[in-house]
Amino acid sequence: MSDDILALAQLLGCPTRLATLRAVGEGGLDVSELAARVGVTIGTASYHLGKLLEAGLVEFQRRGRRRVYGLGRRRLYFAVDEARQQSA
């Protein structure tokens, strides 16, 4: 297995990160909205968003002072759909 696949699997192996990615996939949210949706502190949400940003799985747009997050160029719709199916 390549290092990229292992790194991605490790990244998405974290339940909080996967929940964050799923919430971002449902619509553009800022960090406080994401934290509330996922049930974590703003600091925790920010940390996990940083990891997802580094991997290119999420991106943000500035809206005034806010950063609104959405799925990145390396969109993983299949991962979001898979996570939804597993949590249902």
PDB file of N, CA and C in Angstrom:
ATOM      1  N   MET A   1       0.861  -1.185   0.000  1.00  0.00           N
ATOM      2  CA  MET A   1       0.000   0.000   0.000  1.00  0.00           C
ATOM      3  C   MET A   1       0.902   1.241   0.000  1.00  0.00           C
ATOM      4  N   SER A   2       0.570   2.218  -0.801  1.00  0.00           N
ATOM      5  CA  SER A   2       1.423   3.392  -0.897  1.00  0.00           C
ATOM      6  C   SER A   2       1.296   4.260   0.352  1.00  0.00           C
ATOM      7  N   ASP A   3       2.298   5.105   0.577  1.00  0.00           N
ATOM      8  CA  ASP A   3       2.295   6.003   1.730  1.00  0.00           C
ATOM      9  C   ASP A   3       1.115   6.961   1.694  1.00  0.00           C
ATOM     10  N   ASP A   4       0.720   7.413   0.484  1.00  0.00           N
ATOM     11  CA  ASP A   4      -0.420   8.332   0.369  1.00  0.00           C
ATOM     12  C   ASP A   4      -1.704   7.676   0.841  1.00  0.00           C
ATOM     13  N   ILE A   5      -1.910   6.439   0.464  1.00  0.00           N
ATOM     14  CA  ILE A   5      -3.120   5.733   0.874  1.00  0.00           C
ATOM     15  C   ILE A   5      -3.109   5.494   2.370  1.00  0.00           C
ATOM     16  N   LEU A   6      -1.966   5.113   2.909  1.00  0.00           N
ATOM     17  CA  LEU A   6      -1.864   4.906   4.352  1.00  0.00           C
ATOM     18  C   LEU A   6      -2.107   6.199   5.118  1.00  0.00           C
ATOM     19  N   ALA A   7      -1.551   7.300   4.630  1.00  0.00           N
ATOM     20  CA  ALA A   7      -1.748   8.594   5.292  1.00  0.00           C
ATOM     21  C   ALA A   7      -3.221   8.996   5.250  1.00  0.00           C
ATOM     22  N   LEU A   8      -3.876   8.771   4.122  1.00  0.00           N
ATOM     23  CA  LEU A   8      -5.291   9.100   4.000  1.00  0.00           C
ATOM     24  C   LEU A   8      -6.133   8.217   4.919  1.00  0.00           C
ATOM     25  N   ALA A   9      -5.815   6.946   4.975  1.00  0.00           N
ATOM     26  CA  ALA A   9      -6.547   6.032   5.856  1.00  0.00           C
ATOM     27  C   ALA A   9      -6.372   6.445   7.318  1.00  0.00           C
ATOM     28  N   GLN A  10      -5.167   6.824   7.688  1.00  0.00           N
ATOM     29  CA  GLN A  10      -4.918   7.266   9.058  1.00  0.00           C
ATOM     30  C   GLN A  10      -5.672   8.559   9.350  1.00  0.00           C
ATOM     31  N   LEU A  11      -5.676   9.464   8.405  1.00  0.00           N
ATOM     32  CA  LEU A  11      -6.375  10.739   8.559  1.00  0.00           C
ATOM     33  C   LEU A  11      -7.868  10.516   8.767  1.00  0.00           C
ATOM     34  N   LEU A  12      -8.457   9.646   7.962  1.00  0.00           N
ATOM     35  CA  LEU A  12      -9.899   9.401   8.035  1.00  0.00           C
ATOM     36  C   LEU A  12     -10.268   8.361   9.081  1.00  0.00           C
ATOM     37  N   GLY A  13      -9.271   7.764   9.726  1.00  0.00           N
ATOM     38  CA  GLY A  13      -9.525   6.805  10.791  1.00  0.00           C
ATOM     39  C   GLY A  13      -9.969   7.453  12.090  1.00  0.00           C
ATOM     40  N   CYS A  14      -9.845   8.748  12.179  1.00  0.00           N
ATOM     41  CA  CYS A  14     -10.252   9.487  13.374  1.00  0.00           C
ATOM     42  C   CYS A  14     -11.739   9.817  13.269  1.00  0.00           C
ATOM     43  N   PRO A  15     -12.552   9.344  14.195  1.00  0.00           N
ATOM     44  CA  PRO A  15     -13.997   9.591  14.115  1.00  0.00           C
ATOM     45  C   PRO A  15     -14.365  11.075  14.091  1.00  0.00           C
ATOM     46  N   THR A  16     -13.638  11.904  14.842  1.00  0.00           N
ATOM     47  CA  THR A  16     -13.940  13.338  14.850  1.00  0.00           C
ATOM     48  C   THR A  16     -13.636  13.956  13.494  1.00  0.00           C
ATOM     49  N   ARG A  17     -12.525  13.549  12.892  1.00  0.00           N
ATOM     50  CA  ARG A  17     -12.174  14.081  11.584  1.00  0.00           C
ATOM     51  C   ARG A  17     -13.167  13.639  10.520  1.00  0.00           C
ATOM     52  N   LEU A  18     -13.596  12.416  10.604  1.00  0.00           N
ATOM     53  CA  LEU A  18     -14.569  11.904   9.649  1.00  0.00           C
ATOM     54  C   LEU A  18     -15.911  12.627   9.816  1.00  0.00           C
ATOM     55  N   ALA A  19     -16.318  12.863  11.052  1.00  0.00           N
ATOM     56  CA  ALA A  19     -17.558  13.611  11.302  1.00  0.00           C
ATOM     57  C   ALA A  19     -17.431  15.047  10.801  1.00  0.00           C
ATOM     58  N   THR A  20     -16.257  15.633  10.960  1.00  0.00           N
ATOM     59  CA  THR A  20     -16.008  16.991  10.474  1.00  0.00           C
ATOM     60  C   THR A  20     -16.110  17.024   8.955  1.00  0.00           C
ATOM     61  N   LEU A  21     -15.505  16.060   8.301  1.00  0.00           N
ATOM     62  CA  LEU A  21     -15.563  15.992   6.841  1.00  0.00           C
ATOM     63  C   LEU A  21     -17.002  15.811   6.366  1.00  0.00           C
ATOM     64  N   ARG A  22     -17.741  14.972   7.050  1.00  0.00           N
ATOM     65  CA  ARG A  22     -19.135  14.742   6.696  1.00  0.00           C
ATOM     66  C   ARG A  22     -19.947  16.035   6.841  1.00  0.00           C
ATOM     67  N   ALA A  23     -19.730  16.780   7.930  1.00  0.00           N
ATOM     68  CA  ALA A  23     -20.448  18.037   8.146  1.00  0.00           C
ATOM     69  C   ALA A  23     -20.086  19.069   7.088  1.00  0.00           C
ATOM     70  N   VAL A  24     -18.813  19.140   6.728  1.00  0.00           N
ATOM     71  CA  VAL A  24     -18.380  20.070   5.680  1.00  0.00           C
ATOM     72  C   VAL A  24     -19.048  19.702   4.359  1.00  0.00           C
ATOM     73  N   GLY A  25     -19.199  18.415   4.101  1.00  0.00           N
ATOM     74  CA  GLY A  25     -19.817  17.957   2.867  1.00  0.00           C
ATOM     75  C   GLY A  25     -21.290  18.301   2.760  1.00  0.00           C
ATOM     76  N   GLU A  26     -21.927  18.567   3.882  1.00  0.00           N
ATOM     77  CA  GLU A  26     -23.350  18.903   3.887  1.00  0.00           C
ATOM     78  C   GLU A  26     -23.607  20.368   3.561  1.00  0.00           C
ATOM     79  N   GLY A  27     -22.582  21.181   3.624  1.00  0.00           N
ATOM     80  CA  GLY A  27     -22.762  22.592   3.291  1.00  0.00           C
ATOM     81  C   GLY A  27     -21.704  23.447   3.950  1.00  0.00           C
ATOM     82  N   GLY A  28     -21.451  24.607   3.378  1.00  0.00           N
ATOM     83  CA  GLY A  28     -20.428  25.506   3.879  1.00  0.00           C
ATOM     84  C   GLY A  28     -20.723  25.986   5.289  1.00  0.00           C
ATOM     85  N   LEU A  29     -19.785  25.731   6.193  1.00  0.00           N
ATOM     86  CA  LEU A  29     -19.925  26.112   7.590  1.00  0.00           C
ATOM     87  C   LEU A  29     -18.648  26.768   8.073  1.00  0.00           C
ATOM     88  N   ASP A  30     -18.773  27.656   9.063  1.00  0.00           N
ATOM     89  CA  ASP A  30     -17.558  28.184   9.677  1.00  0.00           C
ATOM     90  C   ASP A  30     -17.175  27.273  10.849  1.00  0.00           C
ATOM     91  N   VAL A  31     -16.045  27.574  11.480  1.00  0.00           N
ATOM     92  CA  VAL A  31     -15.509  26.664  12.493  1.00  0.00           C
ATOM     93  C   VAL A  31     -16.448  26.536  13.693  1.00  0.00           C
ATOM     94  N   SER A  32     -17.107  27.596  14.092  1.00  0.00           N
ATOM     95  CA  SER A  32     -18.008  27.489  15.244  1.00  0.00           C
ATOM     96  C   SER A  32     -19.242  26.652  14.899  1.00  0.00           C
ATOM     97  N   GLU A  33     -19.747  26.787  13.683  1.00  0.00           N
ATOM     98  CA  GLU A  33     -20.878  25.963  13.244  1.00  0.00           C
ATOM     99  C   GLU A  33     -20.480  24.489  13.145  1.00  0.00           C
ATOM    100  N   LEU A  34     -19.274  24.249  12.634  1.00  0.00           N
ATOM    101  CA  LEU A  34     -18.774  22.880  12.551  1.00  0.00           C
ATOM    102  C   LEU A  34     -18.603  22.268  13.930  1.00  0.00           C
ATOM    103  N   ALA A  35     -18.044  23.042  14.849  1.00  0.00           N
ATOM    104  CA  ALA A  35     -17.836  22.541  16.215  1.00  0.00           C
ATOM    105  C   ALA A  35     -19.168  22.147  16.841  1.00  0.00           C
ATOM    106  N   ALA A  36     -20.181  22.983  16.680  1.00  0.00           N
ATOM    107  CA  ALA A  36     -21.499  22.677  17.234  1.00  0.00           C
ATOM    108  C   ALA A  36     -22.101  21.438  16.572  1.00  0.00           C
ATOM    109  N   ARG A  37     -21.960  21.334  15.268  1.00  0.00           N
ATOM    110  CA  ARG A  37     -22.538  20.199  14.540  1.00  0.00           C
ATOM    111  C   ARG A  37     -21.867  18.888  14.947  1.00  0.00           C
ATOM    112  N   VAL A  38     -20.544  18.931  15.133  1.00  0.00           N
ATOM    113  CA  VAL A  38     -19.794  17.711  15.444  1.00  0.00           C
ATOM    114  C   VAL A  38     -19.814  17.414  16.950  1.00  0.00           C
ATOM    115  N   GLY A  39     -20.067  18.447  17.761  1.00  0.00           N
ATOM    116  CA  GLY A  39     -20.108  18.249  19.209  1.00  0.00           C
ATOM    117  C   GLY A  39     -18.749  18.320  19.874  1.00  0.00           C
ATOM    118  N   VAL A  40     -17.883  19.212  19.360  1.00  0.00           N
ATOM    119  CA  VAL A  40     -16.545  19.400  19.928  1.00  0.00           C
ATOM    120  C   VAL A  40     -16.325  20.893  20.181  1.00  0.00           C
ATOM    121  N   THR A  41     -15.227  21.210  20.850  1.00  0.00           N
ATOM    122  CA  THR A  41     -14.893  22.612  21.071  1.00  0.00           C
ATOM    123  C   THR A  41     -14.410  23.246  19.764  1.00  0.00           C
ATOM    124  N   ILE A  42     -14.407  24.559  19.732  1.00  0.00           N
ATOM    125  CA  ILE A  42     -13.905  25.268  18.551  1.00  0.00           C
ATOM    126  C   ILE A  42     -12.436  24.940  18.319  1.00  0.00           C
ATOM    127  N   GLY A  43     -11.665  24.848  19.386  1.00  0.00           N
ATOM    128  CA  GLY A  43     -10.249  24.497  19.257  1.00  0.00           C
ATOM    129  C   GLY A  43     -10.043  23.126  18.636  1.00  0.00           C
ATOM    130  N   THR A  44     -10.834  22.157  19.059  1.00  0.00           N
ATOM    131  CA  THR A  44     -10.744  20.805  18.501  1.00  0.00           C
ATOM    132  C   THR A  44     -11.161  20.798  17.035  1.00  0.00           C
ATOM    133  N   ALA A  45     -12.247  21.507  16.722  1.00  0.00           N
ATOM    134  CA  ALA A  45     -12.694  21.588  15.327  1.00  0.00           C
ATOM    135  C   ALA A  45     -11.623  22.243  14.465  1.00  0.00           C
ATOM    136  N   SER A  46     -11.012  23.294  14.969  1.00  0.00           N
ATOM    137  CA  SER A  46      -9.969  23.995  14.231  1.00  0.00           C
ATOM    138  C   SER A  46      -8.773  23.085  13.969  1.00  0.00           C
ATOM    139  N   TYR A  47      -8.374  22.313  14.970  1.00  0.00           N
ATOM    140  CA  TYR A  47      -7.263  21.379  14.824  1.00  0.00           C
ATOM    141  C   TYR A  47      -7.542  20.372  13.704  1.00  0.00           C
ATOM    142  N   HIS A  48      -8.718  19.767  13.740  1.00  0.00           N
ATOM    143  CA  HIS A  48      -9.052  18.757  12.740  1.00  0.00           C
ATOM    144  C   HIS A  48      -9.237  19.375  11.357  1.00  0.00           C
ATOM    145  N   LEU A  49      -9.789  20.581  11.291  1.00  0.00           N
ATOM    146  CA  LEU A  49      -9.882  21.276  10.005  1.00  0.00           C
ATOM    147  C   LEU A  49      -8.494  21.522   9.424  1.00  0.00           C
ATOM    148  N   GLY A  50      -7.556  21.867  10.276  1.00  0.00           N
ATOM    149  CA  GLY A  50      -6.176  22.082   9.818  1.00  0.00           C
ATOM    150  C   GLY A  50      -5.596  20.846   9.163  1.00  0.00           C
ATOM    151  N   LYS A  51      -5.831  19.692   9.776  1.00  0.00           N
ATOM    152  CA  LYS A  51      -5.347  18.433   9.200  1.00  0.00           C
ATOM    153  C   LYS A  51      -6.019  18.149   7.856  1.00  0.00           C
ATOM    154  N   LEU A  52      -7.328  18.395   7.784  1.00  0.00           N
ATOM    155  CA  LEU A  52      -8.056  18.165   6.538  1.00  0.00           C
ATOM    156  C   LEU A  52      -7.657  19.169   5.459  1.00  0.00           C
ATOM    157  N   LEU A  53      -7.352  20.404   5.864  1.00  0.00           N
ATOM    158  CA  LEU A  53      -6.852  21.412   4.918  1.00  0.00           C
ATOM    159  C   LEU A  53      -5.513  20.987   4.334  1.00  0.00           C
ATOM    160  N   GLU A  54      -4.610  20.532   5.199  1.00  0.00           N
ATOM    161  CA  GLU A  54      -3.283  20.084   4.747  1.00  0.00           C
ATOM    162  C   GLU A  54      -3.395  18.977   3.710  1.00  0.00           C
ATOM    163  N   ALA A  55      -4.367  18.110   3.891  1.00  0.00           N
ATOM    164  CA  ALA A  55      -4.548  16.978   2.975  1.00  0.00           C
ATOM    165  C   ALA A  55      -5.307  17.371   1.714  1.00  0.00           C
ATOM    166  N   GLY A  56      -5.834  18.589   1.671  1.00  0.00           N
ATOM    167  CA  GLY A  56      -6.575  19.043   0.496  1.00  0.00           C
ATOM    168  C   GLY A  56      -8.007  18.533   0.443  1.00  0.00           C
ATOM    169  N   LEU A  57      -8.495  17.986   1.561  1.00  0.00           N
ATOM    170  CA  LEU A  57      -9.854  17.446   1.584  1.00  0.00           C
ATOM    171  C   LEU A  57     -10.903  18.520   1.827  1.00  0.00           C
ATOM    172  N   VAL A  58     -10.500  19.610   2.463  1.00  0.00           N
ATOM    173  CA  VAL A  58     -11.394  20.750   2.636  1.00  0.00           C
ATOM    174  C   VAL A  58     -10.663  22.014   2.190  1.00  0.00           C
ATOM    175  N   GLU A  59     -11.437  23.016   1.893  1.00  0.00           N
ATOM    176  CA  GLU A  59     -10.896  24.331   1.549  1.00  0.00           C
ATOM    177  C   GLU A  59     -11.830  25.359   2.155  1.00  0.00           C
ATOM    178  N   PHE A  60     -11.428  26.603   2.127  1.00  0.00           N
ATOM    179  CA  PHE A  60     -12.286  27.633   2.687  1.00  0.00           C
ATOM    180  C   PHE A  60     -12.343  28.844   1.783  1.00  0.00           C
ATOM    181  N   GLN A  61     -13.399  29.604   1.970  1.00  0.00           N
ATOM    182  CA  GLN A  61     -13.555  30.897   1.315  1.00  0.00           C
ATOM    183  C   GLN A  61     -13.773  31.921   2.414  1.00  0.00           C
ATOM    184  N   ARG A  62     -13.200  33.080   2.222  1.00  0.00           N
ATOM    185  CA  ARG A  62     -13.414  34.150   3.195  1.00  0.00           C
ATOM    186  C   ARG A  62     -14.733  34.845   2.904  1.00  0.00           C
ATOM    187  N   ARG A  63     -15.500  35.033   3.953  1.00  0.00           N
ATOM    188  CA  ARG A  63     -16.739  35.808   3.887  1.00  0.00           C
ATOM    189  C   ARG A  63     -16.677  36.794   5.041  1.00  0.00           C
ATOM    190  N   GLY A  64     -16.181  37.978   4.725  1.00  0.00           N
ATOM    191  CA  GLY A  64     -15.920  38.946   5.788  1.00  0.00           C
ATOM    192  C   GLY A  64     -14.777  38.438   6.640  1.00  0.00           C
ATOM    193  N   ARG A  65     -14.997  38.342   7.929  1.00  0.00           N
ATOM    194  CA  ARG A  65     -13.976  37.816   8.842  1.00  0.00           C
ATOM    195  C   ARG A  65     -14.048  36.301   8.996  1.00  0.00           C
ATOM    196  N   ARG A  66     -15.076  35.707   8.453  1.00  0.00           N
ATOM    197  CA  ARG A  66     -15.294  34.270   8.613  1.00  0.00           C
ATOM    198  C   ARG A  66     -14.604  33.476   7.509  1.00  0.00           C
ATOM    199  N   ARG A  67     -14.206  32.286   7.864  1.00  0.00           N
ATOM    200  CA  ARG A  67     -13.762  31.289   6.891  1.00  0.00           C
ATOM    201  C   ARG A  67     -14.873  30.266   6.799  1.00  0.00           C
ATOM    202  N   VAL A  68     -15.413  30.085   5.615  1.00  0.00           N
ATOM    203  CA  VAL A  68     -16.475  29.113   5.406  1.00  0.00           C
ATOM    204  C   VAL A  68     -15.860  27.918   4.685  1.00  0.00           C
ATOM    205  N   TYR A  69     -15.988  26.754   5.294  1.00  0.00           N
ATOM    206  CA  TYR A  69     -15.327  25.552   4.800  1.00  0.00           C
ATOM    207  C   TYR A  69     -16.247  24.734   3.906  1.00  0.00           C
ATOM    208  N   GLY A  70     -15.653  24.139   2.885  1.00  0.00           N
ATOM    209  CA  GLY A  70     -16.338  23.239   1.975  1.00  0.00           C
ATOM    210  C   GLY A  70     -15.373  22.145   1.559  1.00  0.00           C
ATOM    211  N   LEU A  71     -15.872  21.188   0.816  1.00  0.00           N
ATOM    212  CA  LEU A  71     -15.002  20.108   0.345  1.00  0.00           C
ATOM    213  C   LEU A  71     -13.944  20.662  -0.588  1.00  0.00           C
ATOM    214  N   GLY A  72     -12.754  20.122  -0.489  1.00  0.00           N
ATOM    215  CA  GLY A  72     -11.627  20.602  -1.271  1.00  0.00           C
ATOM    216  C   GLY A  72     -11.547  20.001  -2.660  1.00  0.00           C
ATOM    217  N   ARG A  73     -10.469  20.335  -3.339  1.00  0.00           N
ATOM    218  CA  ARG A  73     -10.263  19.854  -4.708  1.00  0.00           C
ATOM    219  C   ARG A  73     -10.144  18.337  -4.754  1.00  0.00           C
ATOM    220  N   ARG A  74      -9.621  17.742  -3.697  1.00  0.00           N
ATOM    221  CA  ARG A  74      -9.536  16.280  -3.627  1.00  0.00           C
ATOM    222  C   ARG A  74     -10.820  15.753  -3.000  1.00  0.00           C
ATOM    223  N   ARG A  75     -11.926  16.074  -3.617  1.00  0.00           N
ATOM    224  CA  ARG A  75     -13.235  15.723  -3.053  1.00  0.00           C
ATOM    225  C   ARG A  75     -13.356  14.217  -2.868  1.00  0.00           C
ATOM    226  N   LEU A  76     -13.879  13.841  -1.729  1.00  0.00           N
ATOM    227  CA  LEU A  76     -14.052  12.426  -1.420  1.00  0.00           C
ATOM    228  C   LEU A  76     -15.520  12.134  -1.168  1.00  0.00           C
ATOM    229  N   TYR A  77     -16.317  12.375  -2.193  1.00  0.00           N
ATOM    230  CA  TYR A  77     -17.740  12.125  -2.028  1.00  0.00           C
ATOM    231  C   TYR A  77     -17.995  10.680  -1.601  1.00  0.00           C
ATOM    232  N   PHE A  78     -17.204   9.765  -2.153  1.00  0.00           N
ATOM    233  CA  PHE A  78     -17.403   8.376  -1.796  1.00  0.00           C
ATOM    234  C   PHE A  78     -17.144   8.156  -0.319  1.00  0.00           C
ATOM    235  N   ALA A  79     -16.182   8.849   0.263  1.00  0.00           N
ATOM    236  CA  ALA A  79     -15.891   8.704   1.689  1.00  0.00           C
ATOM    237  C   ALA A  79     -17.011   9.295   2.529  1.00  0.00           C
ATOM    238  N   VAL A  80     -17.527  10.451   2.114  1.00  0.00           N
ATOM    239  CA  VAL A  80     -18.625  11.076   2.843  1.00  0.00           C
ATOM    240  C   VAL A  80     -19.862  10.195   2.765  1.00  0.00           C
ATOM    241  N   ASP A  81     -20.162   9.687   1.586  1.00  0.00           N
ATOM    242  CA  ASP A  81     -21.327   8.800   1.421  1.00  0.00           C
ATOM    243  C   ASP A  81     -21.144   7.518   2.220  1.00  0.00           C
ATOM    244  N   GLU A  82     -19.960   6.969   2.216  1.00  0.00           N
ATOM    245  CA  GLU A  82     -19.675   5.751   2.976  1.00  0.00           C
ATOM    246  C   GLU A  82     -19.875   6.019   4.464  1.00  0.00           C
ATOM    247  N   ALA A  83     -19.385   7.153   4.945  1.00  0.00           N
ATOM    248  CA  ALA A  83     -19.527   7.491   6.358  1.00  0.00           C
ATOM    249  C   ALA A  83     -20.989   7.669   6.721  1.00  0.00           C
ATOM    250  N   ARG A  84     -21.760   8.283   5.853  1.00  0.00           N
ATOM    251  CA  ARG A  84     -23.192   8.450   6.101  1.00  0.00           C
ATOM    252  C   ARG A  84     -23.878   7.093   6.206  1.00  0.00           C
ATOM    253  N   GLN A  85     -23.537   6.189   5.322  1.00  0.00           N
ATOM    254  CA  GLN A  85     -24.165   4.874   5.331  1.00  0.00           C
ATOM    255  C   GLN A  85     -23.819   4.109   6.603  1.00  0.00           C
ATOM    256  N   GLN A  86     -22.576   4.239   7.054  1.00  0.00           N
ATOM    257  CA  GLN A  86     -22.150   3.521   8.252  1.00  0.00           C
ATOM    258  C   GLN A  86     -22.787   4.092   9.507  1.00  0.00           C
ATOM    259  N   SER A  87     -23.041   5.403   9.532  1.00  0.00           N
ATOM    260  CA  SER A  87     -23.615   6.015  10.730  1.00  0.00           C
ATOM    261  C   SER A  87     -25.130   5.902  10.776  1.00  0.00           C
ATOM    262  N   ALA A  88     -25.737   5.501   9.664  1.00  0.00           N
ATOM    263  CA  ALA A  88     -27.207   5.394   9.617  1.00  0.00           C
ATOM    264  C   ALA A  88     -27.692   4.099  10.221  1.00  0.00           C
TER     265      ALA A  88
END
